[in-house]
ModelCIF file with pLDDT and N, C-alpha, C, O atoms, coordinates in Angstrom:
data_MODEL
#
_entry.id   MODEL 
#
_entity.id                         1 
_entity.type                       polymer 
_entity.pdbx_number_of_molecules   1 
#
_entity_poly.entity_id                      1 
_entity_poly.type                           'polypeptide(L)' 
_entity_poly.nstd_linkage                   no 
_entity_poly.nstd_monomer                   no 
_entity_poly.pdbx_seq_one_letter_code       YRVTRAFCWLVLAVVLGWVMLVQAFSADSGALGGQLDWLLNLLRTF 
_entity_poly.pdbx_seq_one_letter_code_can   YRVTRAFCWLVLAVVLGWVMLVQAFSADSGALGGQLDWLLNLLRTF 
_entity_poly.pdbx_strand_id                 A 
#
loop_
_entity_poly_seq.entity_id 
_entity_poly_seq.num 
_entity_poly_seq.mon_id 
_entity_poly_seq.hetero 
1 1  TYR n 
1 2  ARG n 
1 3  VAL n 
1 4  THR n 
1 5  ARG n 
1 6  ALA n 
1 7  PHE n 
1 8  CYS n 
1 9  TRP n 
1 10 LEU n 
1 11 VAL n 
1 12 LEU n 
1 13 ALA n 
1 14 VAL n 
1 15 VAL n 
1 16 LEU n 
1 17 GLY n 
1 18 TRP n 
1 19 VAL n 
1 20 MET n 
1 21 LEU n 
1 22 VAL n 
1 23 GLN n 
1 24 ALA n 
1 25 PHE n 
1 26 SER n 
1 27 ALA n 
1 28 ASP n 
1 29 SER n 
1 30 GLY n 
1 31 ALA n 
1 32 LEU n 
1 33 GLY n 
1 34 GLY n 
1 35 GLN n 
1 36 LEU n 
1 37 ASP n 
1 38 TRP n 
1 39 LEU n 
1 40 LEU n 
1 41 ASN n 
1 42 LEU n 
1 43 LEU n 
1 44 ARG n 
1 45 THR n 
1 46 PHE n 
#
_struct_asym.id          A 
_struct_asym.entity_id   1 
#
loop_
_ma_qa_metric.id 
_ma_qa_metric.mode 
_ma_qa_metric.name 
_ma_qa_metric.software_group_id 
_ma_qa_metric.type 
1 global pLDDT . pLDDT 
2 local  pLDDT . pLDDT 
#
_ma_qa_metric_global.metric_id      1 
_ma_qa_metric_global.metric_value   86.50 
_ma_qa_metric_global.model_id       1 
_ma_qa_metric_global.ordinal_id     1 
#
loop_
_ma_qa_metric_local.label_asym_id 
_ma_qa_metric_local.label_comp_id 
_ma_qa_metric_local.label_seq_id 
_ma_qa_metric_local.metric_id 
_ma_qa_metric_local.metric_value 
_ma_qa_metric_local.model_id 
_ma_qa_metric_local.ordinal_id 
A TYR 1  2 92.00 1 1  
A ARG 2  2 93.00 1 2  
A VAL 3  2 95.00 1 3  
A THR 4  2 96.00 1 4  
A ARG 5  2 95.00 1 5  
A ALA 6  2 96.00 1 6  
A PHE 7  2 97.00 1 7  
A CYS 8  2 97.00 1 8  
A TRP 9  2 97.00 1 9  
A LEU 10 2 97.00 1 10 
A VAL 11 2 97.00 1 11 
A LEU 12 2 97.00 1 12 
A ALA 13 2 97.00 1 13 
A VAL 14 2 97.00 1 14 
A VAL 15 2 96.00 1 15 
A LEU 16 2 96.00 1 16 
A GLY 17 2 95.00 1 17 
A TRP 18 2 93.00 1 18 
A VAL 19 2 90.00 1 19 
A MET 20 2 90.00 1 20 
A LEU 21 2 88.00 1 21 
A VAL 22 2 82.00 1 22 
A GLN 23 2 83.00 1 23 
A ALA 24 2 81.00 1 24 
A PHE 25 2 75.00 1 25 
A SER 26 2 72.00 1 26 
A ALA 27 2 69.00 1 27 
A ASP 28 2 67.00 1 28 
A SER 29 2 64.00 1 29 
A GLY 30 2 62.00 1 30 
A ALA 31 2 61.00 1 31 
A LEU 32 2 64.00 1 32 
A GLY 33 2 62.00 1 33 
A GLY 34 2 67.00 1 34 
A GLN 35 2 74.00 1 35 
A LEU 36 2 81.00 1 36 
A ASP 37 2 85.00 1 37 
A TRP 38 2 88.00 1 38 
A LEU 39 2 90.00 1 39 
A LEU 40 2 91.00 1 40 
A ASN 41 2 92.00 1 41 
A LEU 42 2 95.00 1 42 
A LEU 43 2 95.00 1 43 
A ARG 44 2 95.00 1 44 
A THR 45 2 96.00 1 45 
A PHE 46 2 97.00 1 46 
#
loop_
_atom_site.group_PDB 
_atom_site.id 
_atom_site.type_symbol 
_atom_site.label_atom_id 
_atom_site.label_alt_id 
_atom_site.label_comp_id 
_atom_site.label_asym_id 
_atom_site.label_entity_id 
_atom_site.label_seq_id 
_atom_site.pdbx_PDB_ins_code 
_atom_site.Cartn_x 
_atom_site.Cartn_y 
_atom_site.Cartn_z 
_atom_site.occupancy 
_atom_site.B_iso_or_equiv 
_atom_site.pdbx_formal_charge 
_atom_site.auth_seq_id 
_atom_site.auth_comp_id 
_atom_site.auth_asym_id 
_atom_site.auth_atom_id 
_atom_site.pdbx_PDB_model_num 
ATOM 1   N N  . TYR A 1 1  ? -60.861 29.235 -113.548 1.00 92.00 ? 1  TYR A N  1 
ATOM 2   C CA . TYR A 1 1  ? -60.265 29.916 -112.256 1.00 92.00 ? 1  TYR A CA 1 
ATOM 3   C C  . TYR A 1 1  ? -59.316 29.056 -111.624 1.00 92.00 ? 1  TYR A C  1 
ATOM 4   O O  . TYR A 1 1  ? -58.255 29.512 -111.198 1.00 92.00 ? 1  TYR A O  1 
ATOM 5   N N  . ARG A 1 2  ? -59.635 27.758 -111.521 1.00 93.00 ? 2  ARG A N  1 
ATOM 6   C CA . ARG A 1 2  ? -58.636 26.947 -110.777 1.00 93.00 ? 2  ARG A CA 1 
ATOM 7   C C  . ARG A 1 2  ? -57.428 26.675 -111.377 1.00 93.00 ? 2  ARG A C  1 
ATOM 8   O O  . ARG A 1 2  ? -56.368 26.547 -110.765 1.00 93.00 ? 2  ARG A O  1 
ATOM 9   N N  . VAL A 1 3  ? -57.593 26.573 -112.727 1.00 95.00 ? 3  VAL A N  1 
ATOM 10  C CA . VAL A 1 3  ? -56.278 26.164 -113.586 1.00 95.00 ? 3  VAL A CA 1 
ATOM 11  C C  . VAL A 1 3  ? -55.325 27.383 -113.542 1.00 95.00 ? 3  VAL A C  1 
ATOM 12  O O  . VAL A 1 3  ? -54.107 27.311 -113.379 1.00 95.00 ? 3  VAL A O  1 
ATOM 13  N N  . THR A 1 4  ? -56.085 28.569 -113.719 1.00 96.00 ? 4  THR A N  1 
ATOM 14  C CA . THR A 1 4  ? -55.032 29.788 -113.588 1.00 96.00 ? 4  THR A CA 1 
ATOM 15  C C  . THR A 1 4  ? -54.275 29.842 -112.189 1.00 96.00 ? 4  THR A C  1 
ATOM 16  O O  . THR A 1 4  ? -53.079 30.128 -112.144 1.00 96.00 ? 4  THR A O  1 
ATOM 17  N N  . ARG A 1 5  ? -55.010 29.559 -111.065 1.00 95.00 ? 5  ARG A N  1 
ATOM 18  C CA . ARG A 1 5  ? -54.475 29.550 -109.851 1.00 95.00 ? 5  ARG A CA 1 
ATOM 19  C C  . ARG A 1 5  ? -53.367 28.492 -109.749 1.00 95.00 ? 5  ARG A C  1 
ATOM 20  O O  . ARG A 1 5  ? -52.271 28.704 -109.229 1.00 95.00 ? 5  ARG A O  1 
ATOM 21  N N  . ALA A 1 6  ? -53.750 27.358 -110.284 1.00 96.00 ? 6  ALA A N  1 
ATOM 22  C CA . ALA A 1 6  ? -52.581 26.285 -110.299 1.00 96.00 ? 6  ALA A CA 1 
ATOM 23  C C  . ALA A 1 6  ? -51.406 26.688 -111.049 1.00 96.00 ? 6  ALA A C  1 
ATOM 24  O O  . ALA A 1 6  ? -50.293 26.351 -110.646 1.00 96.00 ? 6  ALA A O  1 
ATOM 25  N N  . PHE A 1 7  ? -51.557 27.416 -112.161 1.00 97.00 ? 7  PHE A N  1 
ATOM 26  C CA . PHE A 1 7  ? -50.421 27.894 -112.806 1.00 97.00 ? 7  PHE A CA 1 
ATOM 27  C C  . PHE A 1 7  ? -49.608 29.019 -112.004 1.00 97.00 ? 7  PHE A C  1 
ATOM 28  O O  . PHE A 1 7  ? -48.380 29.100 -112.030 1.00 97.00 ? 7  PHE A O  1 
ATOM 29  N N  . CYS A 1 8  ? -50.425 29.850 -111.313 1.00 97.00 ? 8  CYS A N  1 
ATOM 30  C CA . CYS A 1 8  ? -49.768 30.854 -110.311 1.00 97.00 ? 8  CYS A CA 1 
ATOM 31  C C  . CYS A 1 8  ? -48.865 30.070 -109.414 1.00 97.00 ? 8  CYS A C  1 
ATOM 32  O O  . CYS A 1 8  ? -47.689 30.407 -109.280 1.00 97.00 ? 8  CYS A O  1 
ATOM 33  N N  . TRP A 1 9  ? -49.366 29.047 -108.801 1.00 97.00 ? 9  TRP A N  1 
ATOM 34  C CA . TRP A 1 9  ? -48.513 28.241 -107.934 1.00 97.00 ? 9  TRP A CA 1 
ATOM 35  C C  . TRP A 1 9  ? -47.210 27.675 -108.612 1.00 97.00 ? 9  TRP A C  1 
ATOM 36  O O  . TRP A 1 9  ? -46.145 27.719 -107.997 1.00 97.00 ? 9  TRP A O  1 
ATOM 37  N N  . LEU A 1 10 ? -47.287 27.192 -109.765 1.00 97.00 ? 10 LEU A N  1 
ATOM 38  C CA . LEU A 1 10 ? -46.271 26.733 -110.710 1.00 97.00 ? 10 LEU A CA 1 
ATOM 39  C C  . LEU A 1 10 ? -45.258 27.716 -110.863 1.00 97.00 ? 10 LEU A C  1 
ATOM 40  O O  . LEU A 1 10 ? -44.072 27.426 -110.707 1.00 97.00 ? 10 LEU A O  1 
ATOM 41  N N  . VAL A 1 11 ? -45.711 29.066 -111.210 1.00 97.00 ? 11 VAL A N  1 
ATOM 42  C CA . VAL A 1 11 ? -44.810 30.160 -111.314 1.00 97.00 ? 11 VAL A CA 1 
ATOM 43  C C  . VAL A 1 11 ? -44.043 30.452 -110.171 1.00 97.00 ? 11 VAL A C  1 
ATOM 44  O O  . VAL A 1 11 ? -42.830 30.621 -110.296 1.00 97.00 ? 11 VAL A O  1 
ATOM 45  N N  . LEU A 1 12 ? -44.622 30.538 -109.011 1.00 97.00 ? 12 LEU A N  1 
ATOM 46  C CA . LEU A 1 12 ? -44.026 30.698 -107.691 1.00 97.00 ? 12 LEU A CA 1 
ATOM 47  C C  . LEU A 1 12 ? -42.917 29.593 -107.398 1.00 97.00 ? 12 LEU A C  1 
ATOM 48  O O  . LEU A 1 12 ? -41.838 29.881 -106.881 1.00 97.00 ? 12 LEU A O  1 
ATOM 49  N N  . ALA A 1 13 ? -43.312 28.185 -107.808 1.00 97.00 ? 13 ALA A N  1 
ATOM 50  C CA . ALA A 1 13 ? -42.357 27.284 -107.544 1.00 97.00 ? 13 ALA A CA 1 
ATOM 51  C C  . ALA A 1 13 ? -41.096 27.474 -108.408 1.00 97.00 ? 13 ALA A C  1 
ATOM 52  O O  . ALA A 1 13 ? -39.971 27.333 -107.929 1.00 97.00 ? 13 ALA A O  1 
ATOM 53  N N  . VAL A 1 14 ? -41.333 27.826 -109.799 1.00 97.00 ? 14 VAL A N  1 
ATOM 54  C CA . VAL A 1 14 ? -40.231 28.128 -110.671 1.00 97.00 ? 14 VAL A CA 1 
ATOM 55  C C  . VAL A 1 14 ? -39.436 29.323 -110.090 1.00 97.00 ? 14 VAL A C  1 
ATOM 56  O O  . VAL A 1 14 ? -38.210 29.220 -110.072 1.00 97.00 ? 14 VAL A O  1 
ATOM 57  N N  . VAL A 1 15 ? -39.974 30.361 -109.649 1.00 96.00 ? 15 VAL A N  1 
ATOM 58  C CA . VAL A 1 15 ? -39.246 31.445 -109.070 1.00 96.00 ? 15 VAL A CA 1 
ATOM 59  C C  . VAL A 1 15 ? -38.390 30.925 -107.875 1.00 96.00 ? 15 VAL A C  1 
ATOM 60  O O  . VAL A 1 15 ? -37.180 31.136 -107.795 1.00 96.00 ? 15 VAL A O  1 
ATOM 61  N N  . LEU A 1 16 ? -39.023 30.314 -107.064 1.00 96.00 ? 16 LEU A N  1 
ATOM 62  C CA . LEU A 1 16 ? -38.311 29.699 -105.896 1.00 96.00 ? 16 LEU A CA 1 
ATOM 63  C C  . LEU A 1 16 ? -37.055 28.809 -106.391 1.00 96.00 ? 16 LEU A C  1 
ATOM 64  O O  . LEU A 1 16 ? -35.984 28.874 -105.789 1.00 96.00 ? 16 LEU A O  1 
ATOM 65  N N  . GLY A 1 17 ? -37.223 28.041 -107.431 1.00 95.00 ? 17 GLY A N  1 
ATOM 66  C CA . GLY A 1 17 ? -36.207 27.324 -107.991 1.00 95.00 ? 17 GLY A CA 1 
ATOM 67  C C  . GLY A 1 17 ? -34.995 28.109 -108.523 1.00 95.00 ? 17 GLY A C  1 
ATOM 68  O O  . GLY A 1 17 ? -33.825 27.750 -108.390 1.00 95.00 ? 17 GLY A O  1 
ATOM 69  N N  . TRP A 1 18 ? -35.418 29.219 -109.139 1.00 93.00 ? 18 TRP A N  1 
ATOM 70  C CA . TRP A 1 18 ? -34.350 30.191 -109.676 1.00 93.00 ? 18 TRP A CA 1 
ATOM 71  C C  . TRP A 1 18 ? -33.539 30.777 -108.534 1.00 93.00 ? 18 TRP A C  1 
ATOM 72  O O  . TRP A 1 18 ? -32.313 30.882 -108.551 1.00 93.00 ? 18 TRP A O  1 
ATOM 73  N N  . VAL A 1 19 ? -34.361 31.160 -107.510 1.00 90.00 ? 19 VAL A N  1 
ATOM 74  C CA . VAL A 1 19 ? -33.577 31.777 -106.357 1.00 90.00 ? 19 VAL A CA 1 
ATOM 75  C C  . VAL A 1 19 ? -32.685 30.807 -105.782 1.00 90.00 ? 19 VAL A C  1 
ATOM 76  O O  . VAL A 1 19 ? -31.535 31.142 -105.498 1.00 90.00 ? 19 VAL A O  1 
ATOM 77  N N  . MET A 1 20 ? -33.145 29.509 -105.559 1.00 90.00 ? 20 MET A N  1 
ATOM 78  C CA . MET A 1 20 ? -32.120 28.505 -105.043 1.00 90.00 ? 20 MET A CA 1 
ATOM 79  C C  . MET A 1 20 ? -30.910 28.327 -106.013 1.00 90.00 ? 20 MET A C  1 
ATOM 80  O O  . MET A 1 20 ? -29.782 28.183 -105.542 1.00 90.00 ? 20 MET A O  1 
ATOM 81  N N  . LEU A 1 21 ? -31.117 28.334 -107.303 1.00 88.00 ? 21 LEU A N  1 
ATOM 82  C CA . LEU A 1 21 ? -30.063 28.211 -108.250 1.00 88.00 ? 21 LEU A CA 1 
ATOM 83  C C  . LEU A 1 21 ? -28.975 29.268 -108.051 1.00 88.00 ? 21 LEU A C  1 
ATOM 84  O O  . LEU A 1 21 ? -27.770 29.023 -107.987 1.00 88.00 ? 21 LEU A O  1 
ATOM 85  N N  . VAL A 1 22 ? -29.580 30.545 -107.956 1.00 82.00 ? 22 VAL A N  1 
ATOM 86  C CA . VAL A 1 22 ? -28.635 31.767 -107.932 1.00 82.00 ? 22 VAL A CA 1 
ATOM 87  C C  . VAL A 1 22 ? -28.000 31.698 -106.524 1.00 82.00 ? 22 VAL A C  1 
ATOM 88  O O  . VAL A 1 22 ? -26.830 32.055 -106.389 1.00 82.00 ? 22 VAL A O  1 
ATOM 89  N N  . GLN A 1 23 ? -28.705 31.263 -105.494 1.00 83.00 ? 23 GLN A N  1 
ATOM 90  C CA . GLN A 1 23 ? -27.908 31.125 -104.193 1.00 83.00 ? 23 GLN A CA 1 
ATOM 91  C C  . GLN A 1 23 ? -26.710 30.238 -104.197 1.00 83.00 ? 23 GLN A C  1 
ATOM 92  O O  . GLN A 1 23 ? -25.603 30.517 -103.735 1.00 83.00 ? 23 GLN A O  1 
ATOM 93  N N  . ALA A 1 24 ? -27.107 29.045 -104.826 1.00 81.00 ? 24 ALA A N  1 
ATOM 94  C CA . ALA A 1 24 ? -26.045 28.092 -105.011 1.00 81.00 ? 24 ALA A CA 1 
ATOM 95  C C  . ALA A 1 24 ? -24.844 28.610 -105.868 1.00 81.00 ? 24 ALA A C  1 
ATOM 96  O O  . ALA A 1 24 ? -23.678 28.370 -105.553 1.00 81.00 ? 24 ALA A O  1 
ATOM 97  N N  . PHE A 1 25 ? -25.180 29.295 -106.911 1.00 75.00 ? 25 PHE A N  1 
ATOM 98  C CA . PHE A 1 25 ? -24.153 29.816 -107.791 1.00 75.00 ? 25 PHE A CA 1 
ATOM 99  C C  . PHE A 1 25 ? -23.369 30.835 -107.023 1.00 75.00 ? 25 PHE A C  1 
ATOM 100 O O  . PHE A 1 25 ? -22.146 30.901 -107.142 1.00 75.00 ? 25 PHE A O  1 
ATOM 101 N N  . SER A 1 26 ? -24.023 31.601 -106.268 1.00 72.00 ? 26 SER A N  1 
ATOM 102 C CA . SER A 1 26 ? -23.312 32.668 -105.414 1.00 72.00 ? 26 SER A CA 1 
ATOM 103 C C  . SER A 1 26 ? -22.339 32.070 -104.474 1.00 72.00 ? 26 SER A C  1 
ATOM 104 O O  . SER A 1 26 ? -21.210 32.544 -104.342 1.00 72.00 ? 26 SER A O  1 
ATOM 105 N N  . ALA A 1 27 ? -22.780 30.984 -103.785 1.00 69.00 ? 27 ALA A N  1 
ATOM 106 C CA . ALA A 1 27 ? -22.044 30.308 -102.777 1.00 69.00 ? 27 ALA A CA 1 
ATOM 107 C C  . ALA A 1 27 ? -20.883 29.565 -103.208 1.00 69.00 ? 27 ALA A C  1 
ATOM 108 O O  . ALA A 1 27 ? -19.874 29.427 -102.517 1.00 69.00 ? 27 ALA A O  1 
ATOM 109 N N  . ASP A 1 28 ? -21.076 29.009 -104.559 1.00 67.00 ? 28 ASP A N  1 
ATOM 110 C CA . ASP A 1 28 ? -20.043 28.172 -105.197 1.00 67.00 ? 28 ASP A CA 1 
ATOM 111 C C  . ASP A 1 28 ? -20.207 28.072 -106.588 1.00 67.00 ? 28 ASP A C  1 
ATOM 112 O O  . ASP A 1 28 ? -20.970 27.234 -107.069 1.00 67.00 ? 28 ASP A O  1 
ATOM 113 N N  . SER A 1 29 ? -19.489 28.938 -107.348 1.00 64.00 ? 29 SER A N  1 
ATOM 114 C CA . SER A 1 29 ? -19.655 29.049 -108.770 1.00 64.00 ? 29 SER A CA 1 
ATOM 115 C C  . SER A 1 29 ? -19.428 27.736 -109.472 1.00 64.00 ? 29 SER A C  1 
ATOM 116 O O  . SER A 1 29 ? -19.962 27.508 -110.558 1.00 64.00 ? 29 SER A O  1 
ATOM 117 N N  . GLY A 1 30 ? -18.617 26.839 -108.845 1.00 62.00 ? 30 GLY A N  1 
ATOM 118 C CA . GLY A 1 30 ? -18.297 25.556 -109.419 1.00 62.00 ? 30 GLY A CA 1 
ATOM 119 C C  . GLY A 1 30 ? -19.548 24.644 -109.315 1.00 62.00 ? 30 GLY A C  1 
ATOM 120 O O  . GLY A 1 30 ? -19.455 23.467 -109.664 1.00 62.00 ? 30 GLY A O  1 
ATOM 121 N N  . ALA A 1 31 ? -20.669 25.131 -108.864 1.00 61.00 ? 31 ALA A N  1 
ATOM 122 C CA . ALA A 1 31 ? -21.892 24.348 -108.867 1.00 61.00 ? 31 ALA A CA 1 
ATOM 123 C C  . ALA A 1 31 ? -22.488 24.318 -110.256 1.00 61.00 ? 31 ALA A C  1 
ATOM 124 O O  . ALA A 1 31 ? -23.214 23.410 -110.661 1.00 61.00 ? 31 ALA A O  1 
ATOM 125 N N  . LEU A 1 32 ? -22.117 25.409 -110.974 1.00 64.00 ? 32 LEU A N  1 
ATOM 126 C CA . LEU A 1 32 ? -22.539 25.546 -112.420 1.00 64.00 ? 32 LEU A CA 1 
ATOM 127 C C  . LEU A 1 32 ? -21.839 24.557 -113.423 1.00 64.00 ? 32 LEU A C  1 
ATOM 128 O O  . LEU A 1 32 ? -22.240 24.395 -114.576 1.00 64.00 ? 32 LEU A O  1 
ATOM 129 N N  . GLY A 1 33 ? -20.833 23.958 -112.917 1.00 62.00 ? 33 GLY A N  1 
ATOM 130 C CA . GLY A 1 33 ? -20.062 23.085 -113.752 1.00 62.00 ? 33 GLY A CA 1 
ATOM 131 C C  . GLY A 1 33 ? -20.659 21.679 -113.985 1.00 62.00 ? 33 GLY A C  1 
ATOM 132 O O  . GLY A 1 33 ? -20.043 20.792 -114.577 1.00 62.00 ? 33 GLY A O  1 
ATOM 133 N N  . GLY A 1 34 ? -21.851 21.544 -113.497 1.00 67.00 ? 34 GLY A N  1 
ATOM 134 C CA . GLY A 1 34 ? -22.384 20.098 -113.775 1.00 67.00 ? 34 GLY A CA 1 
ATOM 135 C C  . GLY A 1 34 ? -23.169 19.608 -112.522 1.00 67.00 ? 34 GLY A C  1 
ATOM 136 O O  . GLY A 1 34 ? -24.034 18.744 -112.656 1.00 67.00 ? 34 GLY A O  1 
ATOM 137 N N  . GLN A 1 35 ? -22.864 20.176 -111.243 1.00 74.00 ? 35 GLN A N  1 
ATOM 138 C CA . GLN A 1 35 ? -23.608 19.669 -110.115 1.00 74.00 ? 35 GLN A CA 1 
ATOM 139 C C  . GLN A 1 35 ? -25.167 20.101 -110.103 1.00 74.00 ? 35 GLN A C  1 
ATOM 140 O O  . GLN A 1 35 ? -26.051 19.441 -109.556 1.00 74.00 ? 35 GLN A O  1 
ATOM 141 N N  . LEU A 1 36 ? -25.360 21.319 -110.794 1.00 81.00 ? 36 LEU A N  1 
ATOM 142 C CA . LEU A 1 36 ? -26.827 21.673 -110.690 1.00 81.00 ? 36 LEU A CA 1 
ATOM 143 C C  . LEU A 1 36 ? -27.366 21.710 -112.110 1.00 81.00 ? 36 LEU A C  1 
ATOM 144 O O  . LEU A 1 36 ? -28.326 22.437 -112.367 1.00 81.00 ? 36 LEU A O  1 
ATOM 145 N N  . ASP A 1 37 ? -26.832 21.010 -112.979 1.00 85.00 ? 37 ASP A N  1 
ATOM 146 C CA . ASP A 1 37 ? -27.464 20.965 -114.399 1.00 85.00 ? 37 ASP A CA 1 
ATOM 147 C C  . ASP A 1 37 ? -28.777 20.368 -114.327 1.00 85.00 ? 37 ASP A C  1 
ATOM 148 O O  . ASP A 1 37 ? -29.646 20.710 -115.129 1.00 85.00 ? 37 ASP A O  1 
ATOM 149 N N  . TRP A 1 38 ? -29.006 19.451 -113.376 1.00 88.00 ? 38 TRP A N  1 
ATOM 150 C CA . TRP A 1 38 ? -30.560 19.000 -113.301 1.00 88.00 ? 38 TRP A CA 1 
ATOM 151 C C  . TRP A 1 38 ? -31.441 19.950 -112.950 1.00 88.00 ? 38 TRP A C  1 
ATOM 152 O O  . TRP A 1 38 ? -32.566 19.963 -113.450 1.00 88.00 ? 38 TRP A O  1 
ATOM 153 N N  . LEU A 1 39 ? -31.032 20.892 -112.020 1.00 90.00 ? 39 LEU A N  1 
ATOM 154 C CA . LEU A 1 39 ? -31.943 21.922 -111.561 1.00 90.00 ? 39 LEU A CA 1 
ATOM 155 C C  . LEU A 1 39 ? -32.158 22.966 -112.608 1.00 90.00 ? 39 LEU A C  1 
ATOM 156 O O  . LEU A 1 39 ? -33.263 23.486 -112.766 1.00 90.00 ? 39 LEU A O  1 
ATOM 157 N N  . LEU A 1 40 ? -31.089 23.283 -113.342 1.00 91.00 ? 40 LEU A N  1 
ATOM 158 C CA . LEU A 1 40 ? -31.062 24.326 -114.357 1.00 91.00 ? 40 LEU A CA 1 
ATOM 159 C C  . LEU A 1 40 ? -32.029 23.681 -115.583 1.00 91.00 ? 40 LEU A C  1 
ATOM 160 O O  . LEU A 1 40 ? -32.788 24.429 -116.199 1.00 91.00 ? 40 LEU A O  1 
ATOM 161 N N  . ASN A 1 41 ? -31.964 22.493 -115.839 1.00 92.00 ? 41 ASN A N  1 
ATOM 162 C CA . ASN A 1 41 ? -32.627 21.906 -116.982 1.00 92.00 ? 41 ASN A CA 1 
ATOM 163 C C  . ASN A 1 41 ? -34.236 21.851 -116.657 1.00 92.00 ? 41 ASN A C  1 
ATOM 164 O O  . ASN A 1 41 ? -35.156 22.096 -117.437 1.00 92.00 ? 41 ASN A O  1 
ATOM 165 N N  . LEU A 1 42 ? -34.306 21.474 -115.332 1.00 95.00 ? 42 LEU A N  1 
ATOM 166 C CA . LEU A 1 42 ? -35.686 21.406 -114.697 1.00 95.00 ? 42 LEU A CA 1 
ATOM 167 C C  . LEU A 1 42 ? -36.469 22.860 -114.917 1.00 95.00 ? 42 LEU A C  1 
ATOM 168 O O  . LEU A 1 42 ? -37.582 23.019 -115.418 1.00 95.00 ? 42 LEU A O  1 
ATOM 169 N N  . LEU A 1 43 ? -35.672 23.750 -114.460 1.00 95.00 ? 43 LEU A N  1 
ATOM 170 C CA . LEU A 1 43 ? -36.139 25.219 -114.615 1.00 95.00 ? 43 LEU A CA 1 
ATOM 171 C C  . LEU A 1 43 ? -36.458 25.587 -115.981 1.00 95.00 ? 43 LEU A C  1 
ATOM 172 O O  . LEU A 1 43 ? -37.528 26.127 -116.262 1.00 95.00 ? 43 LEU A O  1 
ATOM 173 N N  . ARG A 1 44 ? -35.591 25.319 -116.816 1.00 95.00 ? 44 ARG A N  1 
ATOM 174 C CA . ARG A 1 44 ? -35.766 25.774 -118.144 1.00 95.00 ? 44 ARG A CA 1 
ATOM 175 C C  . ARG A 1 44 ? -36.851 25.011 -118.954 1.00 95.00 ? 44 ARG A C  1 
ATOM 176 O O  . ARG A 1 44 ? -37.198 25.342 -120.088 1.00 95.00 ? 44 ARG A O  1 
ATOM 177 N N  . THR A 1 45 ? -37.382 23.897 -118.221 1.00 96.00 ? 45 THR A N  1 
ATOM 178 C CA . THR A 1 45 ? -38.363 23.170 -118.840 1.00 96.00 ? 45 THR A CA 1 
ATOM 179 C C  . THR A 1 45 ? -39.679 23.641 -118.286 1.00 96.00 ? 45 THR A C  1 
ATOM 180 O O  . THR A 1 45 ? -40.637 23.562 -119.055 1.00 96.00 ? 45 THR A O  1 
ATOM 181 N N  . PHE A 1 46 ? -39.887 24.129 -117.052 1.00 97.00 ? 46 PHE A N  1 
ATOM 182 C CA . PHE A 1 46 ? -40.942 24.487 -116.443 1.00 97.00 ? 46 PHE A CA 1 
ATOM 183 C C  . PHE A 1 46 ? -41.263 25.879 -116.449 1.00 97.00 ? 46 PHE A C  1 
ATOM 184 O O  . PHE A 1 46 ? -42.274 26.283 -115.875 1.00 97.00 ? 46 PHE A O  1 
#
């Protein structure tokens, strides 16, 4: 039970990360030229 809930929180954290990435992308598409590669790779890992 506890492990499933922990993964639920990890899912929400990942979703929040994707939202942040999309917001940054929308505000400045140049952010995808390297500035946010760390966040993208982190999200694609988790």
